Amino acid sequence: MKRSLVVKVTAGQDAPERCSQAFTVASVALASGVDVSLWLTGESSWFALPGRAAEFELPHAAPLPDLLDALLAGGRVTLCTQCAARRGITGDDVLPGVRIAGAQVFVQEALADGAQALVY
């Protein structure tokens, strides 16, 4: 059975270390050949917008734009429907490759056979 990793990141600029850890773990899993789905929720929702990842800074951490680009290229990146709505973000606003979906899709991914879900 192929394993998959579902990572929900709830933190952004408000908790940079937690945010960076989520992106780093997801990227390392992807580089290791794991099927990865990254969910942007809460304050991390802003990273679904062009240019926002480039504004993120954390000393001694991999650049967030590089991690996000890798995840967009080889995994799935999803923006929470409610989180997007609360921030006035629409499908027309997000980076190419980012989908907007709700809790039902998250639950399906997290409970799939062979899936491991992490929340940061």
N, C-alpha and C. Protein backbone atom coordinates (compact mmCIF):
# COMPACT_ATOMS: atom_id res chain seq x y z
N MET A 1 0.85 -1.17 0.00
CA MET A 1 0.00 0.00 0.00
C MET A 1 0.90 1.24 0.00
N LYS A 2 0.61 2.17 -0.89
CA LYS A 2 1.37 3.42 -0.96
C LYS A 2 0.91 4.35 0.16
N ARG A 3 1.87 4.92 0.85
CA ARG A 3 1.57 5.85 1.93
C ARG A 3 1.37 7.25 1.38
N SER A 4 0.54 8.03 2.06
CA SER A 4 0.36 9.44 1.70
C SER A 4 0.41 10.27 2.98
N LEU A 5 0.75 11.53 2.80
CA LEU A 5 0.84 12.45 3.92
C LEU A 5 -0.04 13.66 3.63
N VAL A 6 -0.91 13.96 4.57
CA VAL A 6 -1.78 15.13 4.48
C VAL A 6 -1.34 16.08 5.58
N VAL A 7 -0.89 17.26 5.20
CA VAL A 7 -0.39 18.24 6.16
C VAL A 7 -1.29 19.45 6.14
N LYS A 8 -1.85 19.76 7.29
CA LYS A 8 -2.67 20.97 7.43
C LYS A 8 -1.84 21.99 8.19
N VAL A 9 -1.60 23.13 7.56
CA VAL A 9 -0.85 24.20 8.22
C VAL A 9 -1.82 25.32 8.55
N THR A 10 -1.90 25.65 9.84
CA THR A 10 -2.83 26.67 10.31
C THR A 10 -2.12 27.99 10.59
N ALA A 11 -0.78 27.94 10.63
CA ALA A 11 0.01 29.10 11.02
C ALA A 11 0.62 29.78 9.80
N GLY A 12 0.84 31.07 9.94
CA GLY A 12 1.51 31.85 8.91
C GLY A 12 2.54 32.75 9.56
N GLN A 13 2.49 34.02 9.21
CA GLN A 13 3.42 34.99 9.82
C GLN A 13 3.23 35.07 11.34
N ASP A 14 2.06 34.67 11.83
CA ASP A 14 1.77 34.75 13.26
C ASP A 14 2.55 33.72 14.08
N ALA A 15 2.98 32.63 13.47
CA ALA A 15 3.75 31.58 14.14
C ALA A 15 4.72 31.00 13.12
N PRO A 16 5.77 31.75 12.80
CA PRO A 16 6.63 31.38 11.68
C PRO A 16 7.33 30.03 11.82
N GLU A 17 7.74 29.64 13.02
CA GLU A 17 8.42 28.36 13.16
C GLU A 17 7.47 27.19 12.87
N ARG A 18 6.26 27.26 13.37
CA ARG A 18 5.27 26.21 13.12
C ARG A 18 4.95 26.14 11.64
N CYS A 19 4.81 27.30 11.02
CA CYS A 19 4.52 27.38 9.59
C CYS A 19 5.65 26.73 8.79
N SER A 20 6.86 27.13 9.08
CA SER A 20 8.01 26.60 8.36
C SER A 20 8.14 25.10 8.54
N GLN A 21 7.89 24.60 9.74
CA GLN A 21 7.97 23.17 9.99
C GLN A 21 7.00 22.40 9.11
N ALA A 22 5.79 22.91 8.97
CA ALA A 22 4.79 22.23 8.15
C ALA A 22 5.23 22.15 6.70
N PHE A 23 5.69 23.26 6.14
CA PHE A 23 6.14 23.28 4.76
C PHE A 23 7.37 22.39 4.57
N THR A 24 8.27 22.41 5.55
CA THR A 24 9.50 21.61 5.46
C THR A 24 9.18 20.12 5.50
N VAL A 25 8.37 19.69 6.43
CA VAL A 25 7.99 18.28 6.54
C VAL A 25 7.29 17.82 5.27
N ALA A 26 6.37 18.62 4.76
CA ALA A 26 5.66 18.26 3.53
C ALA A 26 6.62 18.14 2.36
N SER A 27 7.56 19.06 2.25
CA SER A 27 8.53 19.05 1.15
C SER A 27 9.49 17.88 1.24
N VAL A 28 9.95 17.56 2.44
CA VAL A 28 10.85 16.42 2.62
C VAL A 28 10.12 15.12 2.27
N ALA A 29 8.88 15.01 2.70
CA ALA A 29 8.10 13.81 2.35
C ALA A 29 7.94 13.69 0.84
N LEU A 30 7.64 14.79 0.19
CA LEU A 30 7.49 14.79 -1.27
C LEU A 30 8.79 14.36 -1.94
N ALA A 31 9.91 14.92 -1.49
CA ALA A 31 11.22 14.57 -2.06
C ALA A 31 11.56 13.10 -1.80
N SER A 32 10.95 12.52 -0.79
CA SER A 32 11.18 11.11 -0.46
C SER A 32 10.26 10.17 -1.23
N GLY A 33 9.43 10.73 -2.09
CA GLY A 33 8.54 9.91 -2.91
C GLY A 33 7.16 9.68 -2.33
N VAL A 34 6.84 10.36 -1.27
CA VAL A 34 5.52 10.22 -0.64
C VAL A 34 4.52 11.12 -1.37
N ASP A 35 3.30 10.63 -1.52
CA ASP A 35 2.20 11.43 -2.07
C ASP A 35 1.81 12.45 -1.00
N VAL A 36 1.91 13.75 -1.30
CA VAL A 36 1.71 14.80 -0.30
C VAL A 36 0.57 15.74 -0.71
N SER A 37 -0.27 16.02 0.28
CA SER A 37 -1.33 17.01 0.13
C SER A 37 -1.14 18.04 1.24
N LEU A 38 -0.90 19.29 0.87
CA LEU A 38 -0.73 20.38 1.83
C LEU A 38 -1.98 21.24 1.85
N TRP A 39 -2.53 21.43 3.03
CA TRP A 39 -3.73 22.26 3.21
C TRP A 39 -3.35 23.58 3.87
N LEU A 40 -3.71 24.67 3.24
CA LEU A 40 -3.49 26.02 3.76
C LEU A 40 -4.77 26.46 4.46
N THR A 41 -4.67 26.66 5.77
CA THR A 41 -5.83 27.08 6.56
C THR A 41 -5.41 28.21 7.48
N GLY A 42 -6.37 28.89 8.06
CA GLY A 42 -6.05 29.97 8.97
C GLY A 42 -5.14 30.99 8.32
N GLU A 43 -4.12 31.42 9.06
CA GLU A 43 -3.22 32.47 8.55
C GLU A 43 -2.33 32.01 7.40
N SER A 44 -2.15 30.70 7.24
CA SER A 44 -1.37 30.24 6.10
C SER A 44 -2.13 30.39 4.78
N SER A 45 -3.40 30.70 4.86
CA SER A 45 -4.22 30.89 3.66
C SER A 45 -3.62 31.94 2.73
N TRP A 46 -2.98 32.93 3.30
CA TRP A 46 -2.40 34.02 2.51
C TRP A 46 -1.32 33.53 1.55
N PHE A 47 -0.69 32.39 1.84
CA PHE A 47 0.36 31.88 0.96
C PHE A 47 -0.18 31.31 -0.34
N ALA A 48 -1.48 31.21 -0.47
CA ALA A 48 -2.09 30.78 -1.73
C ALA A 48 -2.06 31.91 -2.76
N LEU A 49 -1.76 33.12 -2.31
CA LEU A 49 -1.75 34.28 -3.20
C LEU A 49 -0.35 34.52 -3.77
N PRO A 50 -0.27 34.97 -5.01
CA PRO A 50 1.04 35.26 -5.62
C PRO A 50 1.83 36.26 -4.77
N GLY A 51 3.11 35.95 -4.58
CA GLY A 51 4.02 36.86 -3.89
C GLY A 51 4.02 36.79 -2.38
N ARG A 52 3.01 36.18 -1.78
CA ARG A 52 2.92 36.18 -0.31
C ARG A 52 3.98 35.30 0.35
N ALA A 53 4.32 34.18 -0.26
CA ALA A 53 5.35 33.31 0.33
C ALA A 53 6.70 34.02 0.36
N ALA A 54 6.94 34.88 -0.62
CA ALA A 54 8.22 35.61 -0.69
C ALA A 54 8.36 36.61 0.46
N GLU A 55 7.26 37.00 1.08
CA GLU A 55 7.30 37.94 2.20
C GLU A 55 7.65 37.25 3.52
N PHE A 56 7.62 35.92 3.53
CA PHE A 56 7.86 35.15 4.74
C PHE A 56 9.36 35.04 5.00
N GLU A 57 9.78 35.34 6.22
CA GLU A 57 11.18 35.23 6.59
C GLU A 57 11.32 34.51 7.92
N LEU A 58 12.26 33.57 7.94
CA LEU A 58 12.60 32.88 9.18
C LEU A 58 14.06 32.46 9.08
N PRO A 59 14.91 32.99 9.97
CA PRO A 59 16.33 32.63 9.91
C PRO A 59 16.55 31.12 9.97
N HIS A 60 17.51 30.65 9.20
CA HIS A 60 17.94 29.25 9.19
C HIS A 60 16.86 28.30 8.68
N ALA A 61 15.90 28.82 7.94
CA ALA A 61 14.83 27.99 7.36
C ALA A 61 14.93 28.04 5.84
N ALA A 62 14.50 26.97 5.21
CA ALA A 62 14.45 26.96 3.75
C ALA A 62 13.47 28.04 3.29
N PRO A 63 13.76 28.69 2.16
CA PRO A 63 12.87 29.74 1.66
C PRO A 63 11.48 29.18 1.35
N LEU A 64 10.48 29.79 1.92
CA LEU A 64 9.10 29.32 1.74
C LEU A 64 8.67 29.27 0.27
N PRO A 65 9.06 30.24 -0.56
CA PRO A 65 8.65 30.14 -1.97
C PRO A 65 9.19 28.88 -2.65
N ASP A 66 10.41 28.46 -2.29
CA ASP A 66 10.97 27.24 -2.88
C ASP A 66 10.19 26.00 -2.45
N LEU A 67 9.84 25.95 -1.18
CA LEU A 67 9.08 24.81 -0.67
C LEU A 67 7.70 24.76 -1.31
N LEU A 68 7.05 25.92 -1.39
CA LEU A 68 5.73 25.98 -1.99
C LEU A 68 5.77 25.59 -3.47
N ASP A 69 6.77 26.08 -4.19
CA ASP A 69 6.91 25.72 -5.61
C ASP A 69 7.05 24.21 -5.78
N ALA A 70 7.86 23.59 -4.93
CA ALA A 70 8.04 22.13 -5.01
C ALA A 70 6.73 21.40 -4.75
N LEU A 71 5.99 21.86 -3.76
CA LEU A 71 4.72 21.22 -3.43
C LEU A 71 3.69 21.41 -4.53
N LEU A 72 3.69 22.57 -5.15
CA LEU A 72 2.78 22.80 -6.27
C LEU A 72 3.15 21.93 -7.47
N ALA A 73 4.44 21.71 -7.66
CA ALA A 73 4.90 20.93 -8.81
C ALA A 73 4.68 19.43 -8.64
N GLY A 74 4.85 18.93 -7.40
CA GLY A 74 4.82 17.49 -7.23
C GLY A 74 3.75 16.95 -6.31
N GLY A 75 3.05 17.82 -5.61
CA GLY A 75 2.01 17.38 -4.68
C GLY A 75 0.70 18.08 -4.98
N ARG A 76 -0.11 18.21 -3.95
CA ARG A 76 -1.37 18.95 -4.06
C ARG A 76 -1.37 20.04 -2.99
N VAL A 77 -1.82 21.22 -3.36
CA VAL A 77 -1.93 22.33 -2.42
C VAL A 77 -3.39 22.80 -2.46
N THR A 78 -4.00 22.80 -1.30
CA THR A 78 -5.42 23.15 -1.19
C THR A 78 -5.60 24.28 -0.21
N LEU A 79 -6.41 25.24 -0.57
CA LEU A 79 -6.81 26.34 0.30
C LEU A 79 -8.20 26.03 0.84
N CYS A 80 -8.33 26.12 2.14
CA CYS A 80 -9.61 25.88 2.81
C CYS A 80 -10.69 26.85 2.31
N THR A 81 -11.85 26.30 1.98
CA THR A 81 -12.96 27.10 1.46
C THR A 81 -13.37 28.21 2.42
N GLN A 82 -13.61 27.86 3.68
CA GLN A 82 -14.05 28.86 4.65
C GLN A 82 -12.97 29.88 4.95
N CYS A 83 -11.73 29.42 5.03
CA CYS A 83 -10.62 30.33 5.30
C CYS A 83 -10.46 31.33 4.16
N ALA A 84 -10.62 30.86 2.93
CA ALA A 84 -10.55 31.75 1.77
C ALA A 84 -11.67 32.77 1.82
N ALA A 85 -12.88 32.32 2.09
CA ALA A 85 -14.03 33.22 2.13
C ALA A 85 -13.87 34.29 3.20
N ARG A 86 -13.36 33.91 4.36
CA ARG A 86 -13.17 34.88 5.45
C ARG A 86 -12.16 35.96 5.08
N ARG A 87 -11.27 35.64 4.16
CA ARG A 87 -10.22 36.58 3.76
C ARG A 87 -10.51 37.22 2.40
N GLY A 88 -11.66 36.93 1.83
CA GLY A 88 -12.03 37.51 0.55
C GLY A 88 -11.20 36.97 -0.62
N ILE A 89 -10.65 35.77 -0.47
CA ILE A 89 -9.84 35.15 -1.52
C ILE A 89 -10.74 34.27 -2.39
N THR A 90 -10.62 34.43 -3.69
CA THR A 90 -11.40 33.61 -4.63
C THR A 90 -10.46 32.76 -5.48
N GLY A 91 -11.04 31.87 -6.24
CA GLY A 91 -10.27 31.03 -7.15
C GLY A 91 -9.48 31.82 -8.17
N ASP A 92 -9.96 33.00 -8.51
CA ASP A 92 -9.25 33.85 -9.47
C ASP A 92 -7.99 34.48 -8.87
N ASP A 93 -7.90 34.50 -7.55
CA ASP A 93 -6.80 35.17 -6.86
C ASP A 93 -5.59 34.27 -6.62
N VAL A 94 -5.79 32.97 -6.56
CA VAL A 94 -4.74 32.07 -6.08
C VAL A 94 -3.72 31.70 -7.15
N LEU A 95 -2.59 31.20 -6.68
CA LEU A 95 -1.53 30.73 -7.56
C LEU A 95 -2.04 29.59 -8.44
N PRO A 96 -1.50 29.46 -9.64
CA PRO A 96 -1.87 28.32 -10.48
C PRO A 96 -1.53 27.01 -9.74
N GLY A 97 -2.46 26.08 -9.76
CA GLY A 97 -2.26 24.80 -9.11
C GLY A 97 -2.88 24.69 -7.74
N VAL A 98 -3.26 25.81 -7.13
CA VAL A 98 -3.91 25.78 -5.82
C VAL A 98 -5.41 25.57 -6.04
N ARG A 99 -5.95 24.57 -5.37
CA ARG A 99 -7.39 24.36 -5.44
C ARG A 99 -8.02 24.86 -4.14
N ILE A 100 -9.29 25.16 -4.20
CA ILE A 100 -10.04 25.55 -3.01
C ILE A 100 -11.04 24.43 -2.73
N ALA A 101 -10.99 23.90 -1.51
CA ALA A 101 -11.88 22.80 -1.14
C ALA A 101 -12.15 22.87 0.37
N GLY A 102 -13.18 22.15 0.78
CA GLY A 102 -13.61 22.22 2.16
C GLY A 102 -13.27 21.01 3.00
N ALA A 103 -13.83 21.00 4.19
CA ALA A 103 -13.53 19.99 5.20
C ALA A 103 -13.84 18.58 4.72
N GLN A 104 -14.86 18.40 3.92
CA GLN A 104 -15.22 17.07 3.44
C GLN A 104 -14.05 16.44 2.67
N VAL A 105 -13.40 17.24 1.82
CA VAL A 105 -12.28 16.74 1.03
C VAL A 105 -11.08 16.45 1.95
N PHE A 106 -10.84 17.32 2.93
CA PHE A 106 -9.76 17.08 3.89
C PHE A 106 -9.99 15.75 4.61
N VAL A 107 -11.19 15.52 5.09
CA VAL A 107 -11.50 14.30 5.82
C VAL A 107 -11.31 13.08 4.91
N GLN A 108 -11.74 13.16 3.67
CA GLN A 108 -11.55 12.05 2.73
C GLN A 108 -10.07 11.73 2.56
N GLU A 109 -9.25 12.75 2.38
CA GLU A 109 -7.81 12.54 2.21
C GLU A 109 -7.18 11.98 3.49
N ALA A 110 -7.55 12.54 4.62
CA ALA A 110 -6.94 12.15 5.89
C ALA A 110 -7.31 10.72 6.29
N LEU A 111 -8.48 10.25 5.87
CA LEU A 111 -8.93 8.92 6.26
C LEU A 111 -8.72 7.87 5.18
N ALA A 112 -8.07 8.24 4.10
CA ALA A 112 -7.80 7.28 3.01
C ALA A 112 -6.85 6.21 3.52
N ASP A 113 -6.96 5.01 2.97
CA ASP A 113 -6.05 3.93 3.33
C ASP A 113 -4.61 4.36 3.11
N GLY A 114 -3.77 4.15 4.11
CA GLY A 114 -2.36 4.48 4.01
C GLY A 114 -2.02 5.94 4.26
N ALA A 115 -3.01 6.73 4.65
CA ALA A 115 -2.78 8.17 4.86
C ALA A 115 -2.36 8.45 6.30
N GLN A 116 -1.51 9.43 6.43
CA GLN A 116 -1.11 9.98 7.74
C GLN A 116 -1.38 11.47 7.69
N ALA A 117 -2.12 11.98 8.64
CA ALA A 117 -2.41 13.42 8.67
C ALA A 117 -1.65 14.08 9.82
N LEU A 118 -1.09 15.25 9.53
CA LEU A 118 -0.40 16.07 10.54
C LEU A 118 -1.01 17.47 10.50
N VAL A 119 -1.16 18.07 11.65
CA VAL A 119 -1.69 19.43 11.72
C VAL A 119 -0.66 20.29 12.46
N TYR A 120 -0.28 21.39 11.82
CA TYR A 120 0.66 22.33 12.42
C TYR A 120 -0.06 23.65 12.66
